[in-house]
Amino acid sequence: MTATRNNYRTILRSTSTTGLASLVNIVSGIAKAKILAVTLGPSGVGLFGLFQSLVQSCTTVASLGLDTAGTREIARCAAQERPGDVWLLRRWLLVMTTFLAMTSAAAVWVASRWIANVFAGERVSAAQIAWLAPAIALSVAAAAPTAILAGLREIAALARVQVLAGLLSTVTVAIAALQAPSAALLAAILTAPLFSLVVARFLAGRAMQSLPKPESRSRNDRVGLGMILSGVQVVGASLAATAGPLVVRSLIINDLGVDSAGTFQAAWAIGATYLSFVLTAMATDYFPRLTGAISDQKSASDIVSQQTEVALLLCGPILIGMLGIAPWLIEVLYAKSFGTAVVILRWQLLGDLLKLVSWPLGYVLLSAGEARKFLFAEVTAMGIYVVGTFLLLPVTGIAAPGIAYLMLYMLYLPLIRYLAARHVQRPWSRYVVALAIILTVAAASTLCLSWVNPVYGLVASIVSAGSLGLIALKRLRTKLLSASPEEAGGSVDRREG
């Protein structure tokens, strides 16, 4: 039995570590969103979402995919016991991200008026866009230490980065809101990448101390150039993932106004927040672990199945519960004026169920170096999202992005399953398939009852979420007790799950 099989302990350990960090970050994010909602209203939250999306999209282009490529290459070097090459990769990452950070900031500053006109018309000034340049530079620079920590699977260190950056950013936003409310929006954009960079650089430096330095400088060029080429190949897919929501926000602003963009941001942020602890664990632990096992199809299939199962068990009950409590959740986290976000959130939650199943397969393509296939899948998915929103806005109004989000993953799941078949022929055990079906039925039933009467939906969500939560606890407990602590795991029983 290999250490890559049946790694429930490893998955749960990394997920619990990142989960606790994400929980703190969730609370910080909720506090930050509440401050902006109370201080600036829906329009302020809408602008925050637009600016945040612009920063993410520009960072994706400017970083040339070095965060993903760096993680993959460092994980590969670690798996092949070539620690000296990690130093070479680190040097290249730091040099390249520093250069890219400066050039991207200058480019955004110069093109600020054009960016404002394209994405927001006259609703946003060029000066506001220009202030995004430092945030983009900080985000690009933070890609290097984050990739180092992720590639070395320093899960606890990454969790500390997330916690400290979130807390410090929220405190700074609160102080800015008290001193000058108009400065709160700028503080929300700038402080998170700033604190992430500072903390990540410090912890990445500590993590590197135990690794021997390389003796040959000539290999530096080969290792670094290979990483850059790998990064450029995935940058298109990353750009599609960030540019899609940006275009959707622009469509909403142009068709329905900035206030509607604020309600969309409220729903989008809640969906991204509650999934963050599982998706972060995938990026920090699952991705490097899968990279080391991708050449063994059976081991890779087992890892994908286990990761999907844990993701569904942990997030499924939360998803069902949120479907019922959505109206009250929006009011508590934001304000009554954000009530229309409920319809978006509910459609997004249905899409999130499919997202939990499809994301582990996306990492299969990244681990295998199938950048072109991954690019095709991401561009296709985001194209569906944008076109769907564009076509549905005149018909369904603010519900359009939520419905389009569900359409996205209804088509993305079979597509990514087909593209990953070469590396994982059986990515789901029978238990995982049955679990996904049960969650789908429960989610659809809760949504229908919520449409009939919000109280019916609330009761159904509480009962379903409670029952599924108990099932999840029993299943995870059984899996943990069935494997001895000395074993990283055994083979998955593909018949029982």
Protein backbone atom coordinates (compact mmCIF):
# COMPACT_ATOMS: atom_id res chain seq x y z
CA MET A 1 0.00 0.00 0.00
CA THR A 2 1.36 3.39 -0.97
CA ALA A 3 1.21 6.58 1.04
CA THR A 4 -0.94 8.25 -1.61
CA ARG A 5 -3.88 5.86 -1.19
CA ASN A 6 -6.80 6.46 1.10
CA ASN A 7 -5.24 9.62 2.55
CA TYR A 8 -8.26 10.61 4.58
CA ARG A 9 -6.09 11.59 7.51
CA THR A 10 -3.94 13.81 5.35
CA ILE A 11 -6.96 15.39 3.65
CA LEU A 12 -8.80 16.04 6.90
CA ARG A 13 -5.69 17.30 8.66
CA SER A 14 -4.95 19.83 5.92
CA THR A 15 -8.62 20.75 5.54
CA SER A 16 -9.04 21.26 9.28
CA THR A 17 -5.93 23.45 9.41
CA THR A 18 -7.00 25.57 6.47
CA GLY A 19 -10.58 25.37 7.68
CA LEU A 20 -9.78 26.98 11.01
CA ALA A 21 -7.80 29.66 9.19
CA SER A 22 -10.66 30.16 6.75
CA LEU A 23 -13.13 30.40 9.63
CA VAL A 24 -11.15 33.27 11.12
CA ASN A 25 -10.85 34.80 7.66
CA ILE A 26 -14.57 34.36 7.09
CA VAL A 27 -15.37 36.25 10.28
CA SER A 28 -12.89 38.95 9.24
CA GLY A 29 -14.41 39.11 5.76
CA ILE A 30 -17.93 39.34 7.19
CA ALA A 31 -16.86 42.19 9.46
CA LYS A 32 -15.20 43.97 6.54
CA ALA A 33 -18.27 43.52 4.32
CA LYS A 34 -20.55 44.75 7.10
CA ILE A 35 -18.40 47.86 7.57
CA LEU A 36 -18.57 48.66 3.86
CA ALA A 37 -22.31 47.91 3.67
CA VAL A 38 -23.16 50.15 6.62
CA THR A 39 -20.71 52.89 5.68
CA LEU A 40 -21.13 53.00 1.90
CA GLY A 41 -24.33 51.05 1.13
CA PRO A 42 -24.95 48.76 -1.88
CA SER A 43 -23.12 51.07 -4.27
CA GLY A 44 -19.96 50.94 -2.13
CA VAL A 45 -20.10 47.15 -1.92
CA GLY A 46 -20.65 47.04 -5.68
CA LEU A 47 -17.57 49.17 -6.30
CA PHE A 48 -15.56 47.01 -3.91
CA GLY A 49 -16.55 43.92 -5.88
CA LEU A 50 -15.65 45.59 -9.17
CA PHE A 51 -12.27 46.82 -7.89
CA GLN A 52 -11.48 43.46 -6.30
CA SER A 53 -12.30 41.67 -9.54
CA LEU A 54 -10.14 44.11 -11.52
CA VAL A 55 -7.22 43.52 -9.15
CA GLN A 56 -7.61 39.74 -9.46
CA SER A 57 -7.80 39.84 -13.26
CA CYS A 58 -4.82 42.17 -13.65
CA THR A 59 -2.84 40.10 -11.15
CA THR A 60 -3.58 36.95 -13.10
CA VAL A 61 -2.22 38.46 -16.30
CA ALA A 62 0.75 40.18 -14.69
CA SER A 63 1.93 37.16 -12.67
CA LEU A 64 2.15 35.00 -15.85
CA GLY A 65 0.76 32.04 -13.92
CA LEU A 66 3.90 31.81 -11.80
CA ASP A 67 1.88 31.08 -8.66
CA THR A 68 0.40 27.89 -10.12
CA ALA A 69 3.54 26.91 -12.06
CA GLY A 70 5.77 27.65 -9.07
CA THR A 71 3.65 25.49 -6.78
CA ARG A 72 3.66 22.64 -9.28
CA GLU A 73 7.43 22.76 -9.94
CA ILE A 74 8.38 23.09 -6.28
CA ALA A 75 6.07 20.21 -5.38
CA ARG A 76 7.66 18.10 -8.12
CA CYS A 77 11.18 18.88 -6.87
CA ALA A 78 10.17 18.02 -3.32
CA ALA A 79 8.56 14.74 -4.42
CA GLN A 80 11.72 13.81 -6.36
CA GLU A 81 13.94 14.78 -3.42
CA ARG A 82 15.70 17.62 -5.23
CA PRO A 83 15.69 20.29 -2.52
CA GLY A 84 18.53 22.21 -4.12
CA ASP A 85 16.32 23.01 -7.09
CA VAL A 86 13.78 24.59 -4.74
CA TRP A 87 16.34 27.34 -4.04
CA LEU A 88 16.74 27.90 -7.76
CA LEU A 89 13.00 28.16 -8.23
CA ARG A 90 12.72 30.50 -5.27
CA ARG A 91 15.30 32.87 -6.75
CA TRP A 92 13.53 32.93 -10.09
CA LEU A 93 10.14 33.46 -8.47
CA LEU A 94 11.31 36.40 -6.39
CA VAL A 95 13.13 38.10 -9.27
CA MET A 96 10.35 37.61 -11.81
CA THR A 97 7.45 38.56 -9.53
CA THR A 98 9.27 41.71 -8.39
CA PHE A 99 9.84 42.77 -12.00
CA LEU A 100 6.28 41.90 -13.02
CA ALA A 101 4.84 43.72 -10.01
CA MET A 102 6.55 46.99 -10.92
CA THR A 103 5.73 46.83 -14.64
CA SER A 104 2.09 45.87 -14.07
CA ALA A 105 1.56 48.68 -11.58
CA ALA A 106 2.98 51.19 -14.04
CA ALA A 107 0.80 49.85 -16.86
CA VAL A 108 -2.41 50.06 -14.81
CA TRP A 109 -1.56 53.58 -13.65
CA VAL A 110 -1.05 54.75 -17.23
CA ALA A 111 -4.16 52.99 -18.55
CA SER A 112 -6.41 53.91 -15.63
CA ARG A 113 -8.72 56.18 -17.64
CA TRP A 114 -9.21 53.59 -20.36
CA ILE A 115 -9.93 50.84 -17.80
CA ALA A 116 -12.48 53.04 -16.04
CA ASN A 117 -14.31 53.79 -19.30
CA VAL A 118 -14.40 50.16 -20.43
CA PHE A 119 -15.62 48.52 -17.23
CA ALA A 120 -17.68 51.18 -15.49
CA GLY A 121 -18.31 54.04 -17.88
CA GLU A 122 -18.65 57.33 -16.01
CA ARG A 123 -19.48 55.68 -12.68
CA VAL A 124 -15.81 55.25 -11.70
CA SER A 125 -13.05 57.84 -12.03
CA ALA A 126 -9.60 57.25 -13.45
CA ALA A 127 -8.11 58.24 -10.09
CA GLN A 128 -9.97 55.40 -8.36
CA ILE A 129 -8.63 52.89 -10.89
CA ALA A 130 -5.11 54.32 -10.57
CA TRP A 131 -5.14 53.49 -6.86
CA LEU A 132 -5.61 49.83 -7.78
CA ALA A 133 -2.05 49.78 -9.18
CA PRO A 134 -0.35 49.31 -5.77
CA ALA A 135 -2.80 46.54 -4.87
CA ILE A 136 -1.97 44.72 -8.11
CA ALA A 137 1.77 45.10 -7.52
CA LEU A 138 1.47 43.73 -3.99
CA SER A 139 -0.67 40.79 -5.17
CA VAL A 140 1.82 39.86 -7.89
CA ALA A 141 4.75 40.08 -5.49
CA ALA A 142 2.91 37.85 -2.99
CA ALA A 143 2.67 35.07 -5.59
CA ALA A 144 6.30 34.03 -5.01
CA PRO A 145 6.26 33.32 -1.24
CA THR A 146 2.78 31.83 -1.47
CA ALA A 147 3.90 29.39 -4.20
CA ILE A 148 6.93 28.42 -2.12
CA LEU A 149 4.82 27.63 0.93
CA ALA A 150 2.21 25.75 -1.14
CA GLY A 151 4.81 23.73 -3.06
CA LEU A 152 6.51 22.70 0.18
CA ARG A 153 3.08 21.90 1.64
CA GLU A 154 3.59 24.26 4.56
CA ILE A 155 -0.09 24.14 5.40
CA ALA A 156 0.21 25.71 8.85
CA ALA A 157 2.27 28.60 7.48
CA LEU A 158 -0.26 29.28 4.73
CA ALA A 159 -3.00 29.24 7.34
CA ARG A 160 -1.12 31.84 9.38
CA VAL A 161 -0.78 34.03 6.29
CA GLN A 162 -4.51 33.85 5.71
CA VAL A 163 -5.43 34.57 9.34
CA LEU A 164 -3.01 37.42 9.95
CA ALA A 165 -3.66 39.13 6.63
CA GLY A 166 -7.43 38.91 7.13
CA LEU A 167 -7.41 40.20 10.69
CA LEU A 168 -4.98 43.05 10.05
CA SER A 169 -6.86 44.12 6.94
CA THR A 170 -10.21 44.17 8.76
CA VAL A 171 -8.82 46.20 11.66
CA THR A 172 -7.33 48.69 9.22
CA VAL A 173 -10.62 49.03 7.33
CA ALA A 174 -12.49 49.60 10.59
CA ILE A 175 -10.07 52.35 11.64
CA ALA A 176 -10.31 53.96 8.19
CA ALA A 177 -14.13 53.88 8.31
CA LEU A 178 -14.12 55.65 11.67
CA GLN A 179 -11.65 58.30 10.57
CA ALA A 180 -12.83 58.90 7.00
CA PRO A 181 -15.60 56.65 5.56
CA SER A 182 -14.50 57.35 2.00
CA ALA A 183 -11.10 55.83 2.80
CA ALA A 184 -12.59 52.49 3.89
CA LEU A 185 -12.98 51.29 0.30
CA LEU A 186 -9.37 52.06 -0.55
CA ALA A 187 -8.15 50.40 2.66
CA ALA A 188 -10.17 47.26 1.86
CA ILE A 189 -8.47 46.97 -1.53
CA LEU A 190 -4.88 47.72 -0.49
CA THR A 191 -4.40 46.18 2.94
CA ALA A 192 -5.18 42.51 2.22
CA PRO A 193 -2.42 42.02 -0.41
CA LEU A 194 -0.01 44.16 1.61
CA PHE A 195 -0.29 42.06 4.76
CA SER A 196 -0.34 38.82 2.74
CA LEU A 197 2.97 39.75 1.12
CA VAL A 198 4.67 40.73 4.37
CA VAL A 199 3.61 37.65 6.34
CA ALA A 200 4.16 35.21 3.44
CA ARG A 201 7.66 36.50 2.73
CA PHE A 202 8.64 36.08 6.37
CA LEU A 203 7.26 32.54 6.68
CA ALA A 204 8.60 31.42 3.29
CA GLY A 205 12.06 32.56 4.35
CA ARG A 206 11.83 30.44 7.49
CA ALA A 207 10.61 27.42 5.52
CA MET A 208 13.62 27.58 3.19
CA GLN A 209 16.24 27.48 5.94
CA SER A 210 16.35 23.67 6.18
CA LEU A 211 16.94 23.16 2.44
CA PRO A 212 20.47 22.96 0.98
CA LYS A 213 21.43 25.66 -1.49
CA PRO A 214 22.38 24.72 -5.09
CA GLU A 215 26.00 24.44 -6.14
CA SER A 216 25.51 25.14 -9.86
CA ARG A 217 24.15 28.44 -11.10
CA SER A 218 23.84 27.24 -14.71
CA ARG A 219 20.93 24.98 -13.84
CA ASN A 220 19.15 28.04 -12.55
CA ASP A 221 18.35 29.19 -16.08
CA ARG A 222 16.91 25.86 -17.15
CA VAL A 223 14.76 25.43 -14.07
CA GLY A 224 13.52 29.01 -14.10
CA LEU A 225 12.75 29.14 -17.82
CA GLY A 226 10.82 25.89 -17.58
CA MET A 227 8.71 27.34 -14.81
CA ILE A 228 7.98 30.50 -16.79
CA LEU A 229 6.89 28.52 -19.85
CA SER A 230 4.64 26.39 -17.65
CA GLY A 231 3.18 29.51 -16.06
CA VAL A 232 2.45 31.21 -19.37
CA GLN A 233 0.51 28.14 -20.47
CA VAL A 234 -1.92 28.33 -17.53
CA VAL A 235 -2.28 32.11 -17.36
CA GLY A 236 -5.06 32.08 -19.94
CA ALA A 237 -7.13 29.68 -17.86
CA SER A 238 -6.56 31.70 -14.71
CA LEU A 239 -7.47 34.88 -16.54
CA ALA A 240 -10.71 33.33 -17.75
CA ALA A 241 -11.63 32.37 -14.19
CA THR A 242 -11.13 35.92 -12.92
CA ALA A 243 -12.21 37.88 -15.99
CA GLY A 244 -15.57 36.10 -16.21
CA PRO A 245 -16.96 37.55 -12.93
CA LEU A 246 -15.42 40.92 -13.85
CA VAL A 247 -17.33 41.04 -17.16
CA VAL A 248 -20.50 39.91 -15.38
CA ARG A 249 -20.14 42.78 -12.88
CA SER A 250 -19.66 45.19 -15.77
CA LEU A 251 -22.81 43.88 -17.47
CA ILE A 252 -24.81 44.29 -14.26
CA ILE A 253 -23.53 47.83 -13.69
CA ASN A 254 -24.35 48.88 -17.26
CA ASP A 255 -27.80 47.23 -17.29
CA LEU A 256 -29.04 47.54 -13.70
CA GLY A 257 -26.72 50.05 -11.98
CA VAL A 258 -24.08 50.02 -9.26
CA ASP A 259 -26.56 49.10 -6.51
CA SER A 260 -27.41 45.85 -8.32
CA ALA A 261 -23.71 45.13 -8.63
CA GLY A 262 -23.58 45.48 -4.85
CA THR A 263 -26.25 42.83 -4.37
CA PHE A 264 -24.40 40.55 -6.77
CA GLN A 265 -21.19 41.10 -4.80
CA ALA A 266 -22.98 40.20 -1.57
CA ALA A 267 -24.13 36.84 -2.96
CA TRP A 268 -20.80 36.16 -4.67
CA ALA A 269 -18.81 36.88 -1.51
CA ILE A 270 -20.93 34.56 0.64
CA GLY A 271 -20.55 31.71 -1.86
CA ALA A 272 -16.80 32.20 -2.12
CA THR A 273 -16.42 32.50 1.65
CA TYR A 274 -18.11 29.31 2.80
CA LEU A 275 -16.31 27.23 0.16
CA SER A 276 -12.92 28.77 0.89
CA PHE A 277 -11.78 26.29 3.52
CA VAL A 278 -12.18 23.33 1.16
CA LEU A 279 -10.94 25.07 -2.00
CA THR A 280 -7.95 26.49 -0.14
CA ALA A 281 -7.07 22.99 1.08
CA MET A 282 -7.21 21.77 -2.51
CA ALA A 283 -4.73 24.42 -3.61
CA THR A 284 -2.35 24.02 -0.67
CA ASP A 285 -2.33 20.27 -0.02
CA TYR A 286 -4.31 18.35 -2.63
CA PHE A 287 -2.63 19.94 -5.66
CA PRO A 288 0.98 19.22 -4.59
CA ARG A 289 0.02 15.72 -3.39
CA LEU A 290 -1.76 14.92 -6.64
CA THR A 291 1.22 16.23 -8.63
CA GLY A 292 3.47 13.68 -6.94
CA ALA A 293 1.09 10.81 -7.78
CA ILE A 294 -0.27 11.79 -11.19
CA SER A 295 1.88 9.26 -13.06
CA ASP A 296 0.11 6.41 -11.21
CA GLN A 297 -3.46 6.40 -12.52
CA LYS A 298 -4.84 4.23 -9.69
CA SER A 299 -3.27 6.38 -6.98
CA ALA A 300 -4.38 9.58 -8.70
CA SER A 301 -7.95 8.25 -9.03
CA ASP A 302 -8.01 7.35 -5.34
CA ILE A 303 -6.78 10.79 -4.32
CA VAL A 304 -9.41 12.52 -6.49
CA SER A 305 -12.21 10.33 -5.12
CA GLN A 306 -11.17 10.90 -1.51
CA GLN A 307 -10.83 14.66 -1.96
CA THR A 308 -14.24 14.90 -3.64
CA GLU A 309 -15.86 12.85 -0.90
CA VAL A 310 -14.41 14.97 1.90
CA ALA A 311 -15.40 18.18 0.09
CA LEU A 312 -19.01 16.99 -0.27
CA LEU A 313 -19.21 15.74 3.31
CA LEU A 314 -17.89 18.98 4.75
CA CYS A 315 -19.62 21.51 2.50
CA GLY A 316 -22.82 19.67 1.57
CA PRO A 317 -24.68 20.19 4.87
CA ILE A 318 -23.58 23.85 4.99
CA LEU A 319 -24.82 24.37 1.43
CA ILE A 320 -28.25 22.86 2.21
CA GLY A 321 -28.56 24.94 5.36
CA MET A 322 -27.70 28.17 3.56
CA LEU A 323 -30.40 27.57 0.95
CA GLY A 324 -33.04 27.89 3.65
CA ILE A 325 -31.56 30.66 5.78
CA ALA A 326 -30.47 32.82 2.82
CA PRO A 327 -32.95 35.71 3.44
CA TRP A 328 -31.95 36.08 7.08
CA LEU A 329 -28.27 35.50 6.32
CA ILE A 330 -28.16 38.34 3.79
CA GLU A 331 -29.87 40.73 6.19
CA VAL A 332 -27.53 39.89 9.08
CA LEU A 333 -24.32 40.00 7.06
CA TYR A 334 -25.24 43.07 5.02
CA ALA A 335 -28.54 44.97 5.36
CA LYS A 336 -32.21 44.82 4.31
CA SER A 337 -31.36 46.80 1.18
CA PHE A 338 -29.42 43.76 -0.09
CA GLY A 339 -32.53 41.54 -0.09
CA THR A 340 -32.45 40.88 -3.85
CA ALA A 341 -29.14 39.06 -3.37
CA VAL A 342 -31.10 36.08 -2.02
CA VAL A 343 -32.24 34.88 -5.44
CA ILE A 344 -28.68 35.08 -6.81
CA LEU A 345 -27.25 33.24 -3.81
CA ARG A 346 -29.69 30.34 -4.04
CA TRP A 347 -28.96 29.67 -7.71
CA GLN A 348 -25.23 29.94 -6.96
CA LEU A 349 -25.51 27.40 -4.15
CA LEU A 350 -26.91 24.84 -6.58
CA GLY A 351 -23.98 25.55 -8.88
CA ASP A 352 -21.57 25.21 -5.96
CA LEU A 353 -22.68 21.62 -5.44
CA LEU A 354 -21.45 20.79 -8.94
CA LYS A 355 -18.35 22.92 -8.36
CA LEU A 356 -17.33 20.74 -5.41
CA VAL A 357 -17.36 17.70 -7.70
CA SER A 358 -15.66 19.32 -10.69
CA TRP A 359 -12.80 21.23 -9.05
CA PRO A 360 -10.74 18.16 -8.04
CA LEU A 361 -10.79 17.12 -11.70
CA GLY A 362 -9.49 20.50 -12.79
CA TYR A 363 -6.43 19.98 -10.63
CA VAL A 364 -5.83 16.67 -12.44
CA LEU A 365 -5.14 18.60 -15.65
CA LEU A 366 -2.87 21.07 -13.84
CA SER A 367 -0.94 18.28 -12.09
CA ALA A 368 -0.46 16.46 -15.39
CA GLY A 369 0.74 19.59 -17.19
CA GLU A 370 -2.29 19.53 -19.51
CA ALA A 371 -2.43 23.32 -19.66
CA ARG A 372 -4.14 23.52 -23.06
CA LYS A 373 -7.00 21.28 -21.98
CA PHE A 374 -7.40 23.22 -18.74
CA LEU A 375 -7.41 26.50 -20.69
CA PHE A 376 -10.09 25.17 -23.04
CA ALA A 377 -12.28 24.06 -20.12
CA GLU A 378 -11.96 27.35 -18.23
CA VAL A 379 -12.53 29.59 -21.25
CA THR A 380 -15.55 27.53 -22.28
CA ALA A 381 -17.01 27.67 -18.78
CA MET A 382 -16.54 31.41 -18.38
CA GLY A 383 -17.91 31.97 -21.87
CA ILE A 384 -21.09 30.17 -20.83
CA TYR A 385 -21.27 32.28 -17.67
CA VAL A 386 -20.86 35.61 -19.44
CA VAL A 387 -23.10 34.82 -22.41
CA GLY A 388 -25.73 33.31 -20.13
CA THR A 389 -25.77 36.39 -17.93
CA PHE A 390 -25.93 38.70 -20.97
CA LEU A 391 -28.90 36.82 -22.46
CA LEU A 392 -30.79 36.37 -19.19
CA LEU A 393 -30.43 39.91 -17.77
CA PRO A 394 -33.27 41.38 -19.89
CA VAL A 395 -35.48 38.38 -19.05
CA THR A 396 -34.81 37.52 -15.40
CA GLY A 397 -33.15 40.68 -14.10
CA ILE A 398 -30.85 40.33 -11.12
CA ALA A 399 -31.36 36.54 -11.01
CA ALA A 400 -29.45 36.21 -14.30
CA PRO A 401 -25.91 35.76 -12.90
CA GLY A 402 -27.13 33.11 -10.45
CA ILE A 403 -28.90 31.07 -13.13
CA ALA A 404 -25.92 31.44 -15.48
CA TYR A 405 -23.61 30.24 -12.70
CA LEU A 406 -25.62 27.02 -12.37
CA MET A 407 -25.56 26.59 -16.17
CA LEU A 408 -21.79 27.04 -16.09
CA TYR A 409 -21.17 24.05 -13.82
CA MET A 410 -23.86 21.88 -15.40
CA LEU A 411 -21.77 21.99 -18.58
CA TYR A 412 -18.32 22.28 -16.98
CA LEU A 413 -18.59 19.06 -14.94
CA PRO A 414 -19.06 16.64 -17.88
CA LEU A 415 -16.48 18.58 -19.90
CA ILE A 416 -13.74 18.44 -17.25
CA ARG A 417 -14.60 14.78 -16.56
CA TYR A 418 -14.02 13.97 -20.22
CA LEU A 419 -10.75 15.93 -20.42
CA ALA A 420 -9.33 14.30 -17.27
CA ALA A 421 -10.26 10.74 -18.29
CA ARG A 422 -6.77 10.00 -19.59
CA HIS A 423 -5.29 10.40 -16.10
CA VAL A 424 -8.17 9.27 -13.86
CA GLN A 425 -10.60 6.82 -15.42
CA ARG A 426 -12.67 6.29 -12.26
CA PRO A 427 -12.47 9.48 -10.20
CA TRP A 428 -15.54 8.76 -8.07
CA SER A 429 -16.41 5.76 -5.93
CA ARG A 430 -20.00 4.56 -5.76
CA TYR A 431 -20.33 6.22 -2.38
CA VAL A 432 -19.31 9.59 -3.83
CA VAL A 433 -21.84 9.26 -6.65
CA ALA A 434 -24.62 8.33 -4.22
CA LEU A 435 -23.66 11.18 -1.90
CA ALA A 436 -23.74 13.70 -4.75
CA ILE A 437 -27.20 12.49 -5.83
CA ILE A 438 -28.56 12.74 -2.27
CA LEU A 439 -27.22 16.26 -1.88
CA THR A 440 -28.67 17.31 -5.24
CA VAL A 441 -32.13 16.02 -4.33
CA ALA A 442 -31.99 17.66 -0.90
CA ALA A 443 -30.83 20.98 -2.39
CA ALA A 444 -33.49 21.01 -5.12
CA SER A 445 -36.24 20.12 -2.63
CA THR A 446 -35.17 22.83 -0.20
CA LEU A 447 -35.07 25.41 -2.98
CA CYS A 448 -38.56 24.51 -4.20
CA LEU A 449 -39.99 24.72 -0.67
CA SER A 450 -38.28 28.08 -0.20
CA TRP A 451 -40.04 29.41 -3.27
CA VAL A 452 -43.40 28.20 -1.92
CA ASN A 453 -42.83 29.64 1.56
CA PRO A 454 -39.58 30.87 3.14
CA VAL A 455 -40.49 29.26 6.49
CA TYR A 456 -41.02 25.86 4.82
CA GLY A 457 -37.64 26.20 3.18
CA LEU A 458 -36.03 27.14 6.49
CA VAL A 459 -37.45 24.09 8.28
CA ALA A 460 -36.50 21.77 5.42
CA SER A 461 -32.96 23.13 5.31
CA ILE A 462 -32.46 22.71 9.05
CA VAL A 463 -33.74 19.12 9.04
CA SER A 464 -31.79 18.15 5.89
CA ALA A 465 -28.58 19.89 6.94
CA GLY A 466 -28.74 18.34 10.41
CA SER A 467 -29.33 14.83 9.06
CA LEU A 468 -26.61 15.13 6.42
CA GLY A 469 -24.24 16.60 9.00
CA LEU A 470 -24.67 13.54 11.23
CA ILE A 471 -24.11 11.24 8.26
CA ALA A 472 -20.94 13.15 7.38
CA LEU A 473 -19.59 12.94 10.93
CA LYS A 474 -20.26 9.20 11.07
CA ARG A 475 -18.62 8.59 7.69
CA LEU A 476 -15.51 10.64 8.48
CA ARG A 477 -15.18 9.00 11.89
CA THR A 478 -15.39 5.56 10.29
CA LYS A 479 -12.72 6.44 7.74
CA LEU A 480 -10.39 7.84 10.38
CA LEU A 481 -10.74 4.82 12.65
CA SER A 482 -10.41 2.29 9.80
CA ALA A 483 -6.84 3.42 8.98
CA SER A 484 -4.09 3.08 11.53
CA PRO A 485 -2.07 6.19 12.37
CA GLU A 486 1.02 4.53 10.91
CA GLU A 487 -0.64 4.20 7.53
CA ALA A 488 -1.18 7.21 5.37
CA GLY A 489 -3.94 5.00 4.00
CA GLY A 490 -4.90 1.96 2.02
CA SER A 491 -6.53 1.44 -1.30
CA VAL A 492 -10.04 2.72 -1.84
CA ASP A 493 -12.76 0.14 -2.14
CA ARG A 494 -14.22 1.40 -5.40
CA ARG A 495 -17.37 -0.67 -4.88
CA GLU A 496 -18.32 0.58 -1.43
CA GLY A 497 -16.52 3.93 -1.52
